[in-house]
Protein backbone atom coordinates (compact mmCIF):
# COMPACT_ATOMS: atom_id res chain seq x y z
CA MET A 1 0.00 0.00 0.00
CA GLY A 2 2.83 2.37 0.84
CA LYS A 3 4.50 1.70 -2.49
CA ALA A 4 1.20 2.30 -4.31
CA VAL A 5 0.48 5.70 -2.75
CA GLY A 6 4.10 6.83 -2.34
CA LEU A 7 4.04 7.09 1.47
CA PRO A 8 6.10 5.45 4.23
CA VAL A 9 4.28 2.84 6.30
CA TYR A 10 4.33 4.90 9.50
CA ARG A 11 2.24 7.56 7.72
CA LEU A 12 -0.32 4.94 6.69
CA LEU A 13 -0.53 3.90 10.35
CA GLY A 14 -1.25 7.45 11.43
CA GLY A 15 2.21 8.57 12.48
CA SER A 16 2.87 12.28 12.00
CA GLY A 17 6.59 11.94 11.36
CA TYR A 18 7.74 13.75 14.50
CA ARG A 19 9.95 10.78 15.39
CA ALA A 20 12.76 10.71 12.86
CA SER A 21 14.67 7.99 14.69
CA VAL A 22 13.92 5.19 17.15
CA PRO A 23 16.06 4.38 20.23
CA LEU A 24 17.27 0.78 20.49
CA ALA A 25 18.76 -1.25 23.32
CA ALA A 26 22.02 -3.17 23.39
CA TYR A 27 21.17 -6.89 23.45
CA PHE A 28 23.85 -8.61 25.54
CA PHE A 29 24.37 -12.39 25.41
CA PHE A 30 26.77 -14.73 27.17
CA ARG A 31 28.24 -16.82 24.36
CA GLY A 32 30.91 -19.31 23.49
CA PRO A 33 33.74 -18.63 21.02
CA ASN A 34 33.11 -18.46 17.29
CA ARG A 35 34.67 -20.80 14.72
CA GLU A 36 37.99 -18.95 15.04
CA GLY A 37 37.94 -19.35 18.82
CA LYS A 38 37.26 -15.65 19.39
CA LEU A 39 34.53 -13.29 20.70
CA ALA A 40 33.45 -15.41 23.67
CA VAL A 41 31.54 -13.46 26.34
CA ASP A 42 31.55 -14.80 29.90
CA LEU A 43 31.51 -13.67 33.51
CA ASP A 44 35.08 -12.43 33.30
CA ASN A 45 34.66 -10.06 30.34
CA CYS A 46 30.95 -9.23 30.46
CA VAL A 47 31.52 -5.71 31.77
CA GLU A 48 34.15 -5.05 29.11
CA HIS A 49 31.75 -6.28 26.40
CA VAL A 50 28.91 -4.03 27.60
CA ARG A 51 31.26 -1.04 27.63
CA TRP A 52 32.31 -1.89 24.07
CA LEU A 53 28.68 -2.04 22.91
CA ILE A 54 27.95 1.38 24.40
CA ALA A 55 31.12 2.93 22.99
CA THR A 56 30.59 1.41 19.52
CA TYR A 57 26.87 2.05 19.00
CA GLY A 58 26.02 4.76 21.52
CA PHE A 59 23.37 2.70 23.34
CA ARG A 60 21.62 4.40 26.25
CA THR A 61 19.79 1.21 27.25
CA VAL A 62 21.35 -2.21 27.89
CA LYS A 63 19.50 -5.53 28.06
CA LEU A 64 21.28 -8.48 29.68
CA LYS A 65 20.18 -11.95 28.57
CA LEU A 66 20.56 -14.25 31.59
CA GLY A 67 19.83 -17.89 32.41
CA VAL A 68 23.29 -19.31 31.67
CA TYR A 69 24.96 -19.34 35.10
CA GLU A 70 23.62 -19.80 38.62
CA PRO A 71 21.14 -17.00 39.43
CA MET A 72 23.12 -15.34 42.22
CA ILE A 73 26.31 -15.46 40.15
CA GLU A 74 24.46 -13.68 37.37
CA ALA A 75 23.03 -11.21 39.88
CA GLU A 76 26.58 -10.30 40.88
CA ALA A 77 27.43 -9.76 37.20
CA VAL A 78 24.41 -7.46 36.82
CA GLU A 79 25.67 -5.44 39.79
CA ARG A 80 29.11 -5.10 38.20
CA VAL A 81 27.56 -3.95 34.90
CA ARG A 82 25.41 -1.37 36.68
CA ALA A 83 28.45 -0.01 38.55
CA ALA A 84 30.39 0.21 35.28
CA ILE A 85 27.78 1.95 33.09
CA GLY A 86 26.48 4.35 35.73
CA ALA A 87 22.96 5.46 36.54
CA HIS A 88 22.38 7.39 33.30
CA VAL A 89 22.20 4.20 31.16
CA LYS A 90 19.00 2.17 31.55
CA LEU A 91 19.49 -1.49 32.43
CA ARG A 92 17.04 -4.38 31.90
CA ILE A 93 17.42 -8.15 32.28
CA ASP A 94 15.81 -11.22 30.70
CA PRO A 95 16.30 -14.65 32.37
CA ASN A 96 14.11 -16.31 29.68
CA GLY A 97 11.71 -17.76 32.25
CA CYS A 98 14.31 -20.03 33.85
CA TRP A 99 13.81 -18.92 37.48
CA SER A 100 11.34 -20.39 39.92
CA LEU A 101 9.11 -17.91 41.74
CA PRO A 102 11.14 -18.09 45.02
CA THR A 103 14.41 -17.61 43.12
CA ALA A 104 12.99 -14.68 41.15
CA LYS A 105 11.93 -13.01 44.40
CA ARG A 106 15.41 -13.47 45.91
CA VAL A 107 17.28 -12.22 42.82
CA LEU A 108 15.08 -9.18 42.27
CA LYS A 109 15.26 -8.28 45.96
CA ARG A 110 19.04 -8.31 45.70
CA LEU A 111 19.00 -6.22 42.51
CA GLU A 112 16.59 -3.50 43.60
CA HIS A 113 19.50 -1.12 44.22
CA CYS A 114 20.44 -1.49 40.53
CA ASP A 115 17.25 0.37 39.52
CA LEU A 116 16.39 -2.01 36.67
CA GLU A 117 14.15 -0.63 33.94
CA PHE A 118 12.31 -3.98 34.01
CA VAL A 119 12.83 -7.74 34.15
CA GLU A 120 11.42 -9.65 31.18
CA GLU A 121 9.87 -13.11 31.60
CA PRO A 122 11.52 -13.85 34.97
CA ILE A 123 9.49 -17.05 35.43
CA LYS A 124 7.87 -19.41 32.95
CA TYR A 125 4.16 -18.71 32.65
CA THR A 126 3.18 -20.80 29.63
CA PRO A 127 1.47 -23.12 29.09
CA ALA A 128 -1.27 -22.49 31.59
CA ARG A 129 -2.26 -24.93 34.27
CA ARG A 130 -5.49 -23.26 35.29
CA ALA A 131 -7.44 -20.94 32.99
CA ILE A 132 -9.43 -22.10 29.98
CA SER A 133 -8.69 -20.17 26.80
CA THR A 134 -11.25 -18.09 24.98
CA GLN A 135 -9.96 -19.80 21.83
CA GLU A 136 -10.83 -23.46 21.60
CA GLY A 137 -7.78 -25.66 22.07
CA VAL A 138 -5.36 -22.78 22.75
CA PRO A 139 -4.15 -22.49 26.36
CA SER A 140 -4.08 -19.16 28.10
CA LEU A 141 -1.34 -17.92 30.40
CA ASP A 142 -0.57 -19.05 33.92
CA THR A 143 -0.21 -15.50 35.21
CA LEU A 144 -0.71 -16.14 38.94
CA GLY A 145 3.01 -16.57 39.59
CA LEU A 146 3.87 -13.49 37.56
CA ALA A 147 1.30 -11.46 39.46
CA ALA A 148 2.67 -12.72 42.79
CA LEU A 149 6.19 -11.70 41.77
CA ARG A 150 5.00 -8.26 40.71
CA ARG A 151 3.48 -7.74 44.15
CA ALA A 152 6.73 -8.80 45.81
CA THR A 153 9.19 -6.52 44.00
CA ALA A 154 9.66 -2.87 43.12
CA THR A 155 11.21 -3.89 39.79
CA PRO A 156 8.77 -3.52 36.87
CA ILE A 157 7.78 -6.78 35.17
CA ALA A 158 7.69 -7.22 31.38
CA ALA A 159 5.58 -9.96 29.78
CA ASP A 160 6.73 -11.53 26.52
CA GLY A 161 4.74 -13.77 24.20
CA VAL A 162 1.36 -12.22 25.05
CA TYR A 163 0.70 -11.24 21.45
CA ARG A 164 -2.94 -12.40 21.29
CA ILE A 165 -5.57 -9.93 22.46
CA ASP A 166 -7.03 -12.41 24.96
CA LEU A 167 -3.58 -13.01 26.50
CA LEU A 168 -2.88 -9.31 26.85
CA TRP A 169 -6.28 -8.88 28.49
CA GLN A 170 -5.45 -11.70 30.93
CA VAL A 171 -2.19 -9.97 31.90
CA ALA A 172 -4.15 -6.79 32.62
CA ARG A 173 -6.91 -8.64 34.50
CA ASP A 174 -4.43 -10.39 36.79
CA GLN A 175 -2.22 -7.27 37.10
CA ALA A 176 0.69 -9.49 36.12
CA ALA A 177 3.00 -7.05 34.28
CA ASP A 178 3.89 -3.41 33.85
CA VAL A 179 5.18 -3.77 30.28
CA ALA A 180 4.03 -5.98 27.38
CA LEU A 181 6.33 -6.67 24.43
CA GLY A 182 4.94 -6.57 20.91
CA ASP A 183 6.34 -8.43 17.93
CA ILE A 184 5.45 -8.30 14.24
CA GLN A 185 5.72 -12.08 13.84
CA GLY A 186 3.74 -12.82 17.01
CA CYS A 187 1.10 -10.16 16.39
CA TRP A 188 0.49 -11.37 12.82
CA GLY A 189 1.90 -8.46 10.91
CA ILE A 190 2.43 -4.72 10.94
CA LYS A 191 -1.19 -3.76 11.55
CA GLY A 192 -1.54 -6.48 14.17
CA MET A 193 1.45 -5.10 16.09
CA TYR A 194 0.06 -1.57 15.85
CA ASP A 195 -3.32 -2.74 17.20
CA PHE A 196 -1.57 -4.66 20.00
CA TYR A 197 -0.17 -1.38 21.32
CA THR A 198 -3.56 0.27 21.03
CA LEU A 199 -5.03 -2.33 23.37
CA ALA A 200 -2.02 -2.12 25.71
CA GLU A 201 -2.54 1.62 25.99
CA VAL A 202 -6.25 1.14 26.75
CA LEU A 203 -5.33 -1.40 29.45
CA ASN A 204 -2.73 0.98 30.92
CA ILE A 205 0.18 -1.37 30.16
CA ALA A 206 3.36 0.16 28.74
CA GLY A 207 4.45 -1.21 25.38
CA GLY A 208 7.88 -2.50 24.39
CA VAL A 209 9.33 -3.90 21.16
CA HIS A 210 10.54 -7.51 21.08
CA SER A 211 13.42 -8.82 18.96
CA GLY A 212 13.71 -12.17 17.28
CA THR A 213 15.39 -13.21 14.05
CA GLU A 214 14.53 -10.20 11.92
CA THR A 215 16.48 -9.27 8.81
CA GLY A 216 16.55 -5.63 7.71
CA VAL A 217 13.10 -5.95 6.17
CA LEU A 218 11.47 -6.77 9.48
CA GLN A 219 13.73 -4.37 11.38
CA ALA A 220 12.52 -1.56 9.10
CA ALA A 221 8.92 -2.62 9.72
CA LYS A 222 9.50 -2.43 13.49
CA LEU A 223 10.88 1.09 13.09
CA HIS A 224 7.74 2.16 11.21
CA VAL A 225 5.36 0.75 13.82
CA THR A 226 7.36 2.38 16.63
CA ALA A 227 7.39 5.71 14.79
CA ALA A 228 3.59 5.58 14.60
CA ARG A 229 3.18 4.94 18.34
CA PRO A 230 4.33 8.00 20.37
CA GLU A 231 3.68 6.23 23.70
CA LEU A 232 6.42 3.65 23.03
CA THR A 233 9.13 5.24 25.17
CA HIS A 234 11.10 2.08 26.02
CA ALA A 235 14.07 1.53 23.69
CA GLY A 236 13.28 -1.36 21.34
CA ASP A 237 15.08 -4.68 21.52
CA ALA A 238 17.16 -5.48 18.44
CA ILE A 239 19.61 -8.32 17.95
CA TYR A 240 20.31 -6.70 14.57
CA TYR A 241 23.80 -5.34 15.31
CA GLU A 242 25.04 -8.92 15.87
CA TYR A 243 24.52 -9.73 12.19
CA ALA A 244 27.43 -9.79 9.75
CA ASP A 245 25.38 -8.72 6.72
CA ASP A 246 21.84 -8.20 5.41
CA VAL A 247 19.78 -8.70 2.27
CA LEU A 248 19.15 -5.00 1.61
CA VAL A 249 20.42 -2.78 -1.17
CA GLY A 250 23.16 -0.70 0.42
CA GLY A 251 23.86 -3.20 3.17
CA MET A 252 22.81 -3.13 6.81
CA LEU A 253 20.71 -0.46 8.46
CA LYS A 254 22.95 1.88 10.45
CA TYR A 255 22.97 2.86 14.12
CA HIS A 256 23.33 6.53 15.06
CA ASP A 257 23.95 7.28 18.75
CA GLY A 258 22.00 4.21 19.86
CA GLU A 259 19.13 4.88 17.46
CA MET A 260 18.04 3.98 13.93
CA LEU A 261 16.60 6.43 11.44
CA VAL A 262 13.06 5.64 10.30
CA PRO A 263 13.26 4.95 6.53
CA GLN A 264 11.41 7.73 4.71
CA GLY A 265 10.88 6.10 1.31
CA ALA A 266 7.61 4.66 0.06
CA GLY A 267 6.49 1.51 1.85
CA LEU A 268 9.14 0.27 4.26
CA GLY A 269 11.74 2.47 2.59
CA VAL A 270 14.14 -0.41 1.94
CA GLU A 271 14.87 -2.50 -1.14
CA LEU A 272 15.84 -6.17 -1.42
CA ASP A 273 19.20 -7.04 -2.94
CA GLU A 274 18.54 -10.07 -5.16
CA SER A 275 22.22 -11.04 -5.20
CA LYS A 276 22.32 -11.09 -1.39
CA LEU A 277 19.16 -13.19 -1.31
CA ALA A 278 20.90 -15.72 -3.57
CA GLN A 279 24.08 -15.58 -1.47
CA TYR A 280 22.28 -16.35 1.76
CA GLU A 281 19.75 -18.85 0.44
CA LEU A 282 19.52 -21.83 2.78
CA THR A 283 20.45 -24.53 0.31
CA GLU A 284 20.62 -28.22 1.13
CA ALA A 285 24.43 -28.03 1.22
CA LYS A 286 24.39 -25.10 3.65
CA HIS A 287 21.80 -26.85 5.78
CA LYS A 288 24.12 -29.85 6.14
CA GLU A 289 27.07 -27.56 6.93
CA TYR A 290 25.14 -25.78 9.69
CA ASP A 291 23.82 -29.05 11.13
CA ALA A 292 27.38 -30.37 11.38
CA TYR A 293 28.55 -27.13 13.01
CA TRP A 294 25.83 -27.18 15.67
CA ALA A 295 26.41 -30.87 16.35
CA GLU A 296 30.05 -30.04 17.08
CA VAL A 297 29.07 -27.08 19.30
CA LYS A 298 26.69 -29.28 21.31
CA ARG A 299 29.39 -31.94 21.67
CA GLN A 300 31.95 -29.37 22.80
CA PHE A 301 29.66 -27.88 25.46
CA LYS A 302 28.09 -31.24 26.37
CA ILE A 303 24.57 -30.09 25.52
CA PRO A 304 22.14 -33.05 25.55
CA PRO A 305 19.21 -33.43 23.15
CA ALA A 306 16.46 -30.87 23.80
CA GLY A 307 13.56 -31.90 25.98
CA PRO A 308 10.84 -30.26 28.10
CA ASP A 309 13.22 -29.80 31.04
CA LEU A 310 16.26 -28.84 28.96
CA LEU A 311 14.93 -25.89 26.99
CA VAL A 312 15.86 -23.57 29.88
CA ARG A 313 17.55 -24.00 33.23
CA HIS A 314 15.26 -24.18 36.25
CA PHE A 315 16.05 -22.69 39.64
């Protein structure tokens, strides 16, 4: 539609264009070394890595992905990061639902002096074990634990994966979160994500932007939705800077002082590079190469086959 009428998507969504750029958060991960044995991030160099991210991209918000080490060891790392970046940089954490409710209470109590912006998915709340969904055969959330944690801590709680309208309503009904993260994939498209934030605003829940496996096409779409929603004040999550390349004409979208410019061309304002699409096509040969690589990584780190109790660590 944007291409047809010569307007950027954020204008079609009702955005006035006052927001020329969108703030993004650093997305920190603990990780093993790459194929050359370099770029590992662990407890010893995590502070150095966060400082490098801020110095390189200008981030004013940092998100720490946790759930790799013991909870209190990670809590100590969060404290060191906070001391290193100072109070002027916002700090959020995401344990990926691997803490039990008692552990989450203990960790967040310890970290209250760090003034966290929010903690995302501190405990696992899907699938539900109590409520019956409004959609036949689709379980709703088990939000009782999340609500209990919210009552026990001063740290704001962010809910992820609540992309359906009935799930967002359940979060509001149970007063289970302060922030709800929207996602173009989860919300079924650009308009679906825009409408998700409309409902969040009606329910008095702050909105945030989730990050998954987006290429530049989806990253541009996220920028347009954010530009059309003035109430989205939390810096958006974006794993994008970790990528080595993209499939866009002109290469990767650029960061400017921790933000990205909203593309102003018609539609999403980006163009696909057909040669890059061919270069990165997941062929059968590449699939076999990647499978062999991940098998070696799992052998090296002694990672067993995935199962219900092995998807995340439980404490």
